[in-house]
C-alpha atoms as a PDB file:
ATOM      1  CA  MET A   1     -26.109 -14.406  -0.703  1.00  0.00           C
ATOM      2  CA  THR A   2     -27.266 -11.239   1.295  1.00  0.00           C
ATOM      3  CA  THR A   3     -30.513  -9.877   1.832  1.00  0.00           C
ATOM      4  CA  PRO A   4     -31.365  -6.197   0.388  1.00  0.00           C
ATOM      5  CA  ASN A   5     -31.197  -5.215   4.222  1.00  0.00           C
ATOM      6  CA  ALA A   6     -28.115  -7.019   5.415  1.00  0.00           C
ATOM      7  CA  LEU A   7     -24.576  -5.989   5.301  1.00  0.00           C
ATOM      8  CA  PRO A   8     -22.072  -7.733   2.261  1.00  0.00           C
ATOM      9  CA  GLN A   9     -19.943 -10.496   3.737  1.00  0.00           C
ATOM     10  CA  ILE A  10     -16.565  -9.450   3.892  1.00  0.00           C
ATOM     11  CA  GLY A  11     -13.501 -12.036   3.420  1.00  0.00           C
ATOM     12  CA  PHE A  12      -9.755 -11.076   4.320  1.00  0.00           C
ATOM     13  CA  ILE A  13      -6.336 -12.507   3.251  1.00  0.00           C
ATOM     14  CA  GLY A  14      -3.261 -10.992   5.088  1.00  0.00           C
ATOM     15  CA  THR A  15      -3.656 -10.158   8.463  1.00  0.00           C
ATOM     16  CA  GLY A  16      -0.268  -7.679   8.818  1.00  0.00           C
ATOM     17  CA  ASN A  17       0.555  -4.458  10.228  1.00  0.00           C
ATOM     18  CA  ILE A  18      -1.702  -2.975   8.214  1.00  0.00           C
ATOM     19  CA  GLY A  19      -4.428  -6.107   7.569  1.00  0.00           C
ATOM     20  CA  GLN A  20      -5.006  -6.210  11.044  1.00  0.00           C
ATOM     21  CA  PRO A  21      -6.438  -2.707  11.682  1.00  0.00           C
ATOM     22  CA  ILE A  22      -8.117  -2.370   8.510  1.00  0.00           C
ATOM     23  CA  ILE A  23     -10.093  -5.691   9.354  1.00  0.00           C
ATOM     24  CA  ARG A  24     -10.890  -4.272  12.872  1.00  0.00           C
ATOM     25  CA  SER A  25     -12.153  -1.069  11.397  1.00  0.00           C
ATOM     26  CA  MET A  26     -14.712  -3.094   9.341  1.00  0.00           C
ATOM     27  CA  LEU A  27     -15.576  -5.049  12.412  1.00  0.00           C
ATOM     28  CA  ARG A  28     -15.963  -1.922  14.151  1.00  0.00           C
ATOM     29  CA  ALA A  29     -18.742  -0.933  11.387  1.00  0.00           C
ATOM     30  CA  GLY A  30     -20.527  -3.807  11.549  1.00  0.00           C
ATOM     31  CA  TYR A  31     -19.488  -6.039   8.674  1.00  0.00           C
ATOM     32  CA  PRO A  32     -19.605  -9.292   9.061  1.00  0.00           C
ATOM     33  CA  VAL A  33     -15.446 -10.669   8.514  1.00  0.00           C
ATOM     34  CA  ALA A  34     -13.323 -13.715   7.573  1.00  0.00           C
ATOM     35  CA  VAL A  35     -10.687 -14.134   7.314  1.00  0.00           C
ATOM     36  CA  TRP A  36      -7.156 -16.949   6.435  1.00  0.00           C
ATOM     37  CA  ASN A  37      -3.606 -16.226   6.649  1.00  0.00           C
ATOM     38  CA  ARG A  38      -0.524 -19.077   6.360  1.00  0.00           C
ATOM     39  CA  THR A  39      -0.313 -18.446   9.830  1.00  0.00           C
ATOM     40  CA  PRO A  40      -3.377 -18.942  12.293  1.00  0.00           C
ATOM     41  CA  ALA A  41      -1.618 -17.038  15.172  1.00  0.00           C
ATOM     42  CA  ARG A  42      -1.837 -13.839  12.941  1.00  0.00           C
ATOM     43  CA  TYR A  43      -5.051 -13.496  13.313  1.00  0.00           C
ATOM     44  CA  ALA A  44      -6.037 -15.163  16.388  1.00  0.00           C
ATOM     45  CA  ASP A  45      -6.521 -11.558  17.979  1.00  0.00           C
ATOM     46  CA  LEU A  46      -9.701 -11.016  15.284  1.00  0.00           C
ATOM     47  CA  VAL A  47     -11.145 -13.670  15.898  1.00  0.00           C
ATOM     48  CA  ALA A  48     -11.673 -12.662  19.645  1.00  0.00           C
ATOM     49  CA  ALA A  49     -12.578  -9.545  18.060  1.00  0.00           C
ATOM     50  CA  GLY A  50     -15.519 -11.119  16.244  1.00  0.00           C
ATOM     51  CA  ALA A  51     -14.033 -12.506  12.561  1.00  0.00           C
ATOM     52  CA  THR A  52     -14.532 -16.113  11.690  1.00  0.00           C
ATOM     53  CA  ALA A  53     -11.727 -17.775  11.056  1.00  0.00           C
ATOM     54  CA  THR A  54     -11.484 -20.127   7.492  1.00  0.00           C
ATOM     55  CA  ALA A  55      -8.863 -23.058   6.867  1.00  0.00           C
ATOM     56  CA  THR A  56      -8.348 -22.112   2.766  1.00  0.00           C
ATOM     57  CA  PRO A  57      -8.384 -19.672   0.433  1.00  0.00           C
ATOM     58  CA  ARG A  58     -10.757 -21.563  -1.472  1.00  0.00           C
ATOM     59  CA  GLU A  59     -13.589 -21.782   1.980  1.00  0.00           C
ATOM     60  CA  LEU A  60     -12.830 -17.919   2.670  1.00  0.00           C
ATOM     61  CA  ALA A  61     -13.601 -16.501  -1.454  1.00  0.00           C
ATOM     62  CA  ALA A  62     -16.690 -19.137  -1.209  1.00  0.00           C
ATOM     63  CA  LYS A  63     -18.372 -17.593   1.249  1.00  0.00           C
ATOM     64  CA  SER A  64     -17.433 -13.874   0.747  1.00  0.00           C
ATOM     65  CA  ASP A  65     -19.379 -11.140  -1.182  1.00  0.00           C
ATOM     66  CA  ILE A  66     -16.764  -8.828  -0.824  1.00  0.00           C
ATOM     67  CA  LEU A  67     -13.044 -10.540  -0.941  1.00  0.00           C
ATOM     68  CA  CYS A  68     -10.344  -8.660  -0.091  1.00  0.00           C
ATOM     69  CA  ALA A  69      -6.231  -8.742   0.304  1.00  0.00           C
ATOM     70  CA  MET A  70      -3.354  -6.967   1.629  1.00  0.00           C
ATOM     71  CA  LEU A  71      -0.470  -8.464   1.596  1.00  0.00           C
ATOM     72  CA  VAL A  72       3.252  -7.705   0.726  1.00  0.00           C
ATOM     73  CA  GLU A  73       3.897  -8.747  -2.624  1.00  0.00           C
ATOM     74  CA  ALA A  74       1.620  -9.364  -6.132  1.00  0.00           C
ATOM     75  CA  ALA A  75       3.675 -12.915  -6.150  1.00  0.00           C
ATOM     76  CA  HIS A  76       2.330 -13.820  -2.751  1.00  0.00           C
ATOM     77  CA  LEU A  77      -1.548 -13.032  -4.132  1.00  0.00           C
ATOM     78  CA  ASP A  78      -0.438 -15.277  -7.263  1.00  0.00           C
ATOM     79  CA  ALA A  79       0.505 -18.138  -5.764  1.00  0.00           C
ATOM     80  CA  LEU A  80      -3.476 -18.471  -3.968  1.00  0.00           C
ATOM     81  CA  LEU A  81      -5.626 -17.855  -6.652  1.00  0.00           C
ATOM     82  CA  ASP A  82      -4.822 -21.403  -8.827  1.00  0.00           C
ATOM     83  CA  GLY A  83      -5.273 -24.856  -7.197  1.00  0.00           C
ATOM     84  CA  ASN A  84      -7.945 -27.316  -5.648  1.00  0.00           C
ATOM     85  CA  ASP A  85      -7.549 -24.313  -2.144  1.00  0.00           C
ATOM     86  CA  GLY A  86      -7.085 -21.526  -4.181  1.00  0.00           C
ATOM     87  CA  ILE A  87      -9.092 -18.447  -4.417  1.00  0.00           C
ATOM     88  CA  LEU A  88     -10.381 -19.072  -8.087  1.00  0.00           C
ATOM     89  CA  ALA A  89     -11.460 -22.420  -7.348  1.00  0.00           C
ATOM     90  CA  GLY A  90     -14.343 -20.560  -4.606  1.00  0.00           C
ATOM     91  CA  VAL A  91     -14.396 -17.332  -5.729  1.00  0.00           C
ATOM     92  CA  LYS A  92     -18.228 -16.448  -6.115  1.00  0.00           C
ATOM     93  CA  PRO A  93     -19.636 -15.197  -9.655  1.00  0.00           C
ATOM     94  CA  GLY A  94     -21.216 -11.840  -8.396  1.00  0.00           C
ATOM     95  CA  SER A  95     -18.750 -10.927  -6.202  1.00  0.00           C
ATOM     96  CA  ILE A  96     -15.758  -8.196  -5.938  1.00  0.00           C
ATOM     97  CA  PHE A  97     -12.665  -9.193  -5.873  1.00  0.00           C
ATOM     98  CA  ILE A  98     -10.108  -6.081  -3.604  1.00  0.00           C
ATOM     99  CA  ASP A  99      -6.364  -5.787  -4.070  1.00  0.00           C
ATOM    100  CA  MET A 100      -5.326  -3.439  -1.758  1.00  0.00           C
ATOM    101  CA  ALA A 101      -1.784  -4.398  -1.704  1.00  0.00           C
ATOM    102  CA  THR A 102       0.499  -2.321  -3.558  1.00  0.00           C
ATOM    103  CA  SER A 103       1.800  -3.436  -6.997  1.00  0.00           C
ATOM    104  CA  GLY A 104       2.188  -2.588 -10.526  1.00  0.00           C
ATOM    105  CA  PRO A 105      -0.809  -1.385 -12.829  1.00  0.00           C
ATOM    106  CA  ARG A 106      -0.217  -4.086 -14.980  1.00  0.00           C
ATOM    107  CA  HIS A 107      -0.438  -6.603 -12.551  1.00  0.00           C
ATOM    108  CA  ALA A 108      -3.996  -4.937 -11.719  1.00  0.00           C
ATOM    109  CA  GLN A 109      -5.535  -5.196 -14.899  1.00  0.00           C
ATOM    110  CA  TRP A 110      -3.793  -8.729 -15.610  1.00  0.00           C
ATOM    111  CA  LEU A 111      -5.898  -9.220 -12.000  1.00  0.00           C
ATOM    112  CA  GLU A 112      -9.194  -7.656 -14.078  1.00  0.00           C
ATOM    113  CA  GLY A 113      -9.027 -10.123 -16.738  1.00  0.00           C
ATOM    114  CA  VAL A 114      -8.438 -13.485 -14.844  1.00  0.00           C
ATOM    115  CA  PHE A 115     -11.513 -12.640 -12.403  1.00  0.00           C
ATOM    116  CA  ALA A 116     -13.579 -11.581 -15.089  1.00  0.00           C
ATOM    117  CA  LYS A 117     -13.569 -15.332 -16.256  1.00  0.00           C
ATOM    118  CA  LYS A 118     -15.324 -16.068 -12.707  1.00  0.00           C
ATOM    119  CA  SER A 119     -17.977 -13.122 -13.454  1.00  0.00           C
ATOM    120  CA  VAL A 120     -16.132 -11.385 -10.378  1.00  0.00           C
ATOM    121  CA  ALA A 121     -15.534  -7.539 -10.460  1.00  0.00           C
ATOM    122  CA  ALA A 122     -11.789  -7.291  -9.978  1.00  0.00           C
ATOM    123  CA  LEU A 123     -10.785  -3.883  -8.278  1.00  0.00           C
ATOM    124  CA  ASP A 124      -7.307  -2.030  -7.161  1.00  0.00           C
ATOM    125  CA  VAL A 125      -7.241  -0.539  -4.101  1.00  0.00           C
ATOM    126  CA  PRO A 126      -4.021   0.321  -2.604  1.00  0.00           C
ATOM    127  CA  VAL A 127      -4.515   2.346   0.474  1.00  0.00           C
ATOM    128  CA  GLN A 128      -1.683   5.642   1.656  1.00  0.00           C
ATOM    129  CA  GLY A 129      -1.255   6.536   5.029  1.00  0.00           C
ATOM    130  CA  GLY A 130       0.341   3.581   6.879  1.00  0.00           C
ATOM    131  CA  VAL A 131      -0.503   1.875  10.313  1.00  0.00           C
ATOM    132  CA  LYS A 132      -1.625   5.008  12.227  1.00  0.00           C
ATOM    133  CA  ALA A 133      -4.004   6.111   9.442  1.00  0.00           C
ATOM    134  CA  ALA A 134      -5.067   2.106   9.412  1.00  0.00           C
ATOM    135  CA  VAL A 135      -5.836   1.887  13.174  1.00  0.00           C
ATOM    136  CA  ASP A 136      -7.289   5.429  12.877  1.00  0.00           C
ATOM    137  CA  ALA A 137      -9.648   4.363  10.283  1.00  0.00           C
ATOM    138  CA  THR A 138      -8.369   7.598   8.215  1.00  0.00           C
ATOM    139  CA  LEU A 139      -6.834   6.254   5.005  1.00  0.00           C
ATOM    140  CA  THR A 140      -6.822   7.548   1.871  1.00  0.00           C
ATOM    141  CA  VAL A 141      -8.160   5.183  -0.752  1.00  0.00           C
ATOM    142  CA  MET A 142      -7.753   4.849  -4.511  1.00  0.00           C
ATOM    143  CA  ALA A 143      -9.548   3.021  -6.233  1.00  0.00           C
ATOM    144  CA  GLY A 144      -9.157   1.347  -9.924  1.00  0.00           C
ATOM    145  CA  GLY A 145     -11.595  -0.785 -11.755  1.00  0.00           C
ATOM    146  CA  SER A 146     -15.149  -0.982 -12.589  1.00  0.00           C
ATOM    147  CA  LYS A 147     -17.179   1.973 -11.597  1.00  0.00           C
ATOM    148  CA  GLU A 148     -20.602  -0.160 -10.646  1.00  0.00           C
ATOM    149  CA  ALA A 149     -18.200  -2.644  -8.742  1.00  0.00           C
ATOM    150  CA  PHE A 150     -16.342   0.510  -6.449  1.00  0.00           C
ATOM    151  CA  ASP A 151     -19.987   2.136  -6.029  1.00  0.00           C
ATOM    152  CA  ARG A 152     -20.936  -1.295  -4.606  1.00  0.00           C
ATOM    153  CA  ALA A 153     -17.496  -1.443  -2.343  1.00  0.00           C
ATOM    154  CA  LEU A 154     -18.011   2.255  -1.259  1.00  0.00           C
ATOM    155  CA  PRO A 155     -20.064   1.743   1.718  1.00  0.00           C
ATOM    156  CA  LEU A 156     -17.109  -0.790   3.030  1.00  0.00           C
ATOM    157  CA  LEU A 157     -14.457   1.494   1.962  1.00  0.00           C
ATOM    158  CA  GLN A 158     -15.719   4.270   3.834  1.00  0.00           C
ATOM    159  CA  SER A 159     -15.200   2.106   6.781  1.00  0.00           C
ATOM    160  CA  ILE A 160     -11.699   2.671   6.415  1.00  0.00           C
ATOM    161  CA  GLY A 161     -10.717   6.093   5.343  1.00  0.00           C
ATOM    162  CA  LYS A 162     -11.523   8.897   5.079  1.00  0.00           C
ATOM    163  CA  LYS A 163     -11.147   9.979   1.762  1.00  0.00           C
ATOM    164  CA  ILE A 164     -12.121   7.392  -1.341  1.00  0.00           C
ATOM    165  CA  VAL A 165     -11.384   8.567  -4.397  1.00  0.00           C
ATOM    166  CA  TYR A 166     -12.177   6.495  -8.047  1.00  0.00           C
ATOM    167  CA  VAL A 167      -9.535   7.307 -10.160  1.00  0.00           C
ATOM    168  CA  GLY A 168     -10.734   5.231 -13.284  1.00  0.00           C
ATOM    169  CA  GLY A 169     -10.362   1.698 -15.242  1.00  0.00           C
ATOM    170  CA  ALA A 170      -8.209  -0.987 -14.185  1.00  0.00           C
ATOM    171  CA  GLY A 171      -4.732   0.101 -12.868  1.00  0.00           C
ATOM    172  CA  SER A 172      -5.465   3.275 -12.006  1.00  0.00           C
ATOM    173  CA  GLY A 173      -5.587   2.789  -8.546  1.00  0.00           C
ATOM    174  CA  GLN A 174      -1.933   1.043  -8.430  1.00  0.00           C
ATOM    175  CA  LEU A 175      -1.014   4.040 -11.177  1.00  0.00           C
ATOM    176  CA  THR A 176      -2.444   6.659  -8.679  1.00  0.00           C
ATOM    177  CA  LYS A 177      -0.168   4.999  -6.166  1.00  0.00           C
ATOM    178  CA  LEU A 178       2.879   4.589  -7.550  1.00  0.00           C
ATOM    179  CA  CYS A 179       2.731   8.432  -9.045  1.00  0.00           C
ATOM    180  CA  HIS A 180       2.349   9.238  -5.301  1.00  0.00           C
ATOM    181  CA  GLN A 181       5.835   7.353  -4.686  1.00  0.00           C
ATOM    182  CA  VAL A 182       7.371   9.021  -7.244  1.00  0.00           C
ATOM    183  CA  VAL A 183       6.406  12.362  -5.311  1.00  0.00           C
ATOM    184  CA  LEU A 184       7.736  11.010  -2.271  1.00  0.00           C
ATOM    185  CA  ALA A 185      11.044   9.312  -3.269  1.00  0.00           C
ATOM    186  CA  VAL A 186      11.856  12.283  -5.267  1.00  0.00           C
ATOM    187  CA  THR A 187      11.185  14.515  -2.513  1.00  0.00           C
ATOM    188  CA  LEU A 188      13.561  12.369  -0.198  1.00  0.00           C
ATOM    189  CA  GLU A 189      16.354  13.058  -2.724  1.00  0.00           C
ATOM    190  CA  ALA A 190      15.757  16.412  -2.303  1.00  0.00           C
ATOM    191  CA  ILE A 191      15.716  16.677   1.251  1.00  0.00           C
ATOM    192  CA  ALA A 192      18.836  15.413   1.427  1.00  0.00           C
ATOM    193  CA  GLU A 193      20.617  17.155  -1.201  1.00  0.00           C
ATOM    194  CA  ALA A 194      19.252  20.505   0.397  1.00  0.00           C
ATOM    195  CA  PHE A 195      20.862  19.294   3.962  1.00  0.00           C
ATOM    196  CA  ALA A 196      24.331  18.379   2.129  1.00  0.00           C
ATOM    197  CA  LEU A 197      24.344  21.290   0.260  1.00  0.00           C
ATOM    198  CA  ALA A 198      24.069  23.288   3.582  1.00  0.00           C
ATOM    199  CA  LYS A 199      26.419  20.950   5.555  1.00  0.00           C
ATOM    200  CA  THR A 200      29.101  20.983   2.513  1.00  0.00           C
ATOM    201  CA  PHE A 201      29.446  25.169   2.724  1.00  0.00           C
ATOM    202  CA  GLY A 202      28.818  25.398   6.698  1.00  0.00           C
ATOM    203  CA  ALA A 203      25.343  26.297   7.746  1.00  0.00           C
ATOM    204  CA  ASP A 204      23.903  24.397  10.585  1.00  0.00           C
ATOM    205  CA  GLN A 205      21.955  22.261   9.912  1.00  0.00           C
ATOM    206  CA  ALA A 206      19.778  22.760  12.512  1.00  0.00           C
ATOM    207  CA  ALA A 207      19.415  26.535  11.578  1.00  0.00           C
ATOM    208  CA  VAL A 208      18.245  25.655   8.413  1.00  0.00           C
ATOM    209  CA  HIS A 209      15.490  22.877   9.243  1.00  0.00           C
ATOM    210  CA  GLU A 210      14.098  25.422  11.710  1.00  0.00           C
ATOM    211  CA  VAL A 211      14.024  27.904   8.475  1.00  0.00           C
ATOM    212  CA  LEU A 212      12.707  25.442   5.987  1.00  0.00           C
ATOM    213  CA  SER A 213       9.940  23.878   8.408  1.00  0.00           C
ATOM    214  CA  ASN A 214       8.575  27.642   8.145  1.00  0.00           C
ATOM    215  CA  GLY A 215       8.558  27.940   4.957  1.00  0.00           C
ATOM    216  CA  LEU A 216       6.994  26.424   1.153  1.00  0.00           C
ATOM    217  CA  ALA A 217       9.898  23.586   1.629  1.00  0.00           C
ATOM    218  CA  SER A 218       7.958  22.045   4.579  1.00  0.00           C
ATOM    219  CA  GLY A 219       5.415  19.486   3.925  1.00  0.00           C
ATOM    220  CA  PRO A 220       4.239  15.972   5.785  1.00  0.00           C
ATOM    221  CA  ILE A 221       7.643  14.391   4.257  1.00  0.00           C
ATOM    222  CA  PHE A 222       9.745  17.077   5.980  1.00  0.00           C
ATOM    223  CA  LYS A 223       8.195  17.546   8.880  1.00  0.00           C
ATOM    224  CA  ASN A 224       8.332  13.451   9.217  1.00  0.00           C
ATOM    225  CA  SER A 225      11.546  12.697   8.159  1.00  0.00           C
ATOM    226  CA  ALA A 226      14.238  16.030   7.782  1.00  0.00           C
ATOM    227  CA  HIS A 227      15.110  16.560  11.206  1.00  0.00           C
ATOM    228  CA  ARG A 228      16.726  13.339  11.854  1.00  0.00           C
ATOM    229  CA  ILE A 229      19.575  14.501   9.817  1.00  0.00           C
ATOM    230  CA  ALA A 230      21.313  16.909  11.916  1.00  0.00           C
ATOM    231  CA  THR A 231      21.199  14.300  15.081  1.00  0.00           C
ATOM    232  CA  ARG A 232      21.767  11.471  12.254  1.00  0.00           C
ATOM    233  CA  ASP A 233      19.179   9.615  13.761  1.00  0.00           C
ATOM    234  CA  TRP A 234      18.052   7.125  10.757  1.00  0.00           C
ATOM    235  CA  THR A 235      15.366   4.939  13.818  1.00  0.00           C
ATOM    236  CA  PRO A 236      12.649   3.820  11.499  1.00  0.00           C
ATOM    237  CA  GLY A 237       9.517   5.730  11.105  1.00  0.00           C
ATOM    238  CA  ARG A 238       9.349   4.314   7.888  1.00  0.00           C
ATOM    239  CA  PRO A 239      11.613   2.178   6.386  1.00  0.00           C
ATOM    240  CA  MET A 240      13.610   2.477   3.313  1.00  0.00           C
ATOM    241  CA  TRP A 241      13.159  -0.996   2.018  1.00  0.00           C
ATOM    242  CA  LEU A 242       9.253  -0.044   1.066  1.00  0.00           C
ATOM    243  CA  TYR A 243      10.620   1.868  -1.698  1.00  0.00           C
ATOM    244  CA  GLU A 244      12.408  -0.892  -3.595  1.00  0.00           C
ATOM    245  CA  LYS A 245       8.872  -2.490  -4.727  1.00  0.00           C
ATOM    246  CA  ASP A 246       8.133   1.329  -5.711  1.00  0.00           C
ATOM    247  CA  GLY A 247      10.928   1.179  -8.029  1.00  0.00           C
ATOM    248  CA  VAL A 248      10.138  -2.245  -9.461  1.00  0.00           C
ATOM    249  CA  ASN A 249       6.773  -1.312 -10.276  1.00  0.00           C
ATOM    250  CA  LEU A 250       7.914   2.169 -11.870  1.00  0.00           C
ATOM    251  CA  ALA A 251      10.157   0.149 -14.190  1.00  0.00           C
ATOM    252  CA  GLU A 252       7.506  -2.549 -15.172  1.00  0.00           C
ATOM    253  CA  THR A 253       5.392   0.340 -15.856  1.00  0.00           C
ATOM    254  CA  LEU A 254       7.415   2.202 -18.296  1.00  0.00           C
ATOM    255  CA  ALA A 255       9.089  -0.620 -20.129  1.00  0.00           C
ATOM    256  CA  GLY A 256       8.225  -0.948 -23.764  1.00  0.00           C
ATOM    257  CA  THR A 257       7.076   2.797 -24.025  1.00  0.00           C
ATOM    258  CA  SER A 258       8.905   5.720 -24.748  1.00  0.00           C
ATOM    259  CA  MET A 259       8.337   7.505 -21.617  1.00  0.00           C
ATOM    260  CA  ASP A 260      11.827   7.862 -19.468  1.00  0.00           C
ATOM    261  CA  LEU A 261      11.146   9.543 -15.421  1.00  0.00           C
ATOM    262  CA  PRO A 262      15.111  10.550 -15.341  1.00  0.00           C
ATOM    263  CA  ILE A 263      14.698  11.688 -11.872  1.00  0.00           C
ATOM    264  CA  ALA A 264      12.588   9.248 -10.188  1.00  0.00           C
ATOM    265  CA  ARG A 265      14.805   6.542 -11.952  1.00  0.00           C
ATOM    266  CA  GLU A 266      17.868   7.934 -10.789  1.00  0.00           C
ATOM    267  CA  VAL A 267      16.421   8.413  -7.362  1.00  0.00           C
ATOM    268  CA  PHE A 268      15.188   4.733  -6.952  1.00  0.00           C
ATOM    269  CA  GLU A 269      18.502   3.731  -7.971  1.00  0.00           C
ATOM    270  CA  ARG A 270      20.220   5.624  -5.231  1.00  0.00           C
ATOM    271  CA  ILE A 271      17.387   3.946  -2.804  1.00  0.00           C
ATOM    272  CA  HIS A 272      18.512   0.635  -4.197  1.00  0.00           C
ATOM    273  CA  LYS A 273      21.974   1.591  -3.407  1.00  0.00           C
ATOM    274  CA  VAL A 274      21.466   2.015   0.422  1.00  0.00           C
ATOM    275  CA  VAL A 275      19.023  -1.141   0.506  1.00  0.00           C
ATOM    276  CA  GLU A 276      21.945  -3.239  -0.694  1.00  0.00           C
ATOM    277  CA  GLY A 277      24.103  -1.324   1.709  1.00  0.00           C
ATOM    278  CA  GLY A 278      22.445  -3.030   3.998  1.00  0.00           C
ATOM    279  CA  SER A 279      20.314  -0.186   5.589  1.00  0.00           C
ATOM    280  CA  GLY A 280      17.163  -0.754   4.301  1.00  0.00           C
ATOM    281  CA  ASP A 281      15.734  -1.491   8.042  1.00  0.00           C
ATOM    282  CA  ARG A 282      16.200   2.395   8.465  1.00  0.00           C
ATOM    283  CA  ASP A 283      14.218   5.506   8.232  1.00  0.00           C
ATOM    284  CA  GLU A 284      13.975   5.962   4.534  1.00  0.00           C
ATOM    285  CA  MET A 285      15.735   9.669   5.177  1.00  0.00           C
ATOM    286  CA  VAL A 286      18.994   7.384   5.720  1.00  0.00           C
ATOM    287  CA  LEU A 287      18.791   7.951   1.945  1.00  0.00           C
ATOM    288  CA  TYR A 288      20.916  11.461   2.883  1.00  0.00           C
ATOM    289  CA  THR A 289      24.403   8.975   3.721  1.00  0.00           C
ATOM    290  CA  LEU A 290      24.958   8.519   0.297  1.00  0.00           C
ATOM    291  CA  LEU A 291      25.412  12.376   0.137  1.00  0.00           C
ATOM    292  CA  ASP A 292      27.391  12.240   3.524  1.00  0.00           C
ATOM    293  CA  PRO A 293      28.515   9.442   4.593  1.00  0.00           C
ATOM    294  CA  GLY A 294      29.687  10.630   8.031  1.00  0.00           C
END
């Protein structure tokens, strides 16, 4: 247990491209952080920076006041929950579990129920901004779950992000992230179609880019990726395959409801087509090649 003036003990599962810099930000803020990964080499640098290694998810959970996870797939987290060495075998009543990865809202609601049986509050807290924002501790953080648990976790979240917003009950963090990804995906398709239109009817794409860069059509996605079309440079900034999970999450969220998002659904189908065609590791703007294979 922490004393009134002590920072809570943090546990962190998942030391990948985003998890590593998040952990470093927590360490810089003075938090004691223990880590676990299936591959110990993935956290050796973190231990050198002050983190503590643990042998199993159970050991990590047992010592954590706030346990965080940042894993690529929800299934990877689910596989660590049960069993003698699993998270649920060690997690402490009264602690907080935070899933920082991107998954579906329904999965977040399920996790809340699973952890509630252990008297643990579960928050779904996906982040936005990518590796650079994680390194700079300027992530945008959206949180769903118990407001009381969010308030307890807020100082920790402030150590990793510049904008932290509580958006509602369980699943609301993941729902907000899904809304964000829908806007990104549809915007990519709009940019692709605009530049295909320009080329088809004889306008110089580089000149069109110059004009649009100075109008209302310009924005972060446009600035990051649209310039690649004229030069057909698909060297990845953000790879196309990352959007595959969003399409799955959207389909699962809408399943069993009367809601249909026809434009978003079609764009995610097009993204899947690009990935299936072998271009998933290329930049997100490779979506353009469906309109202009070149």
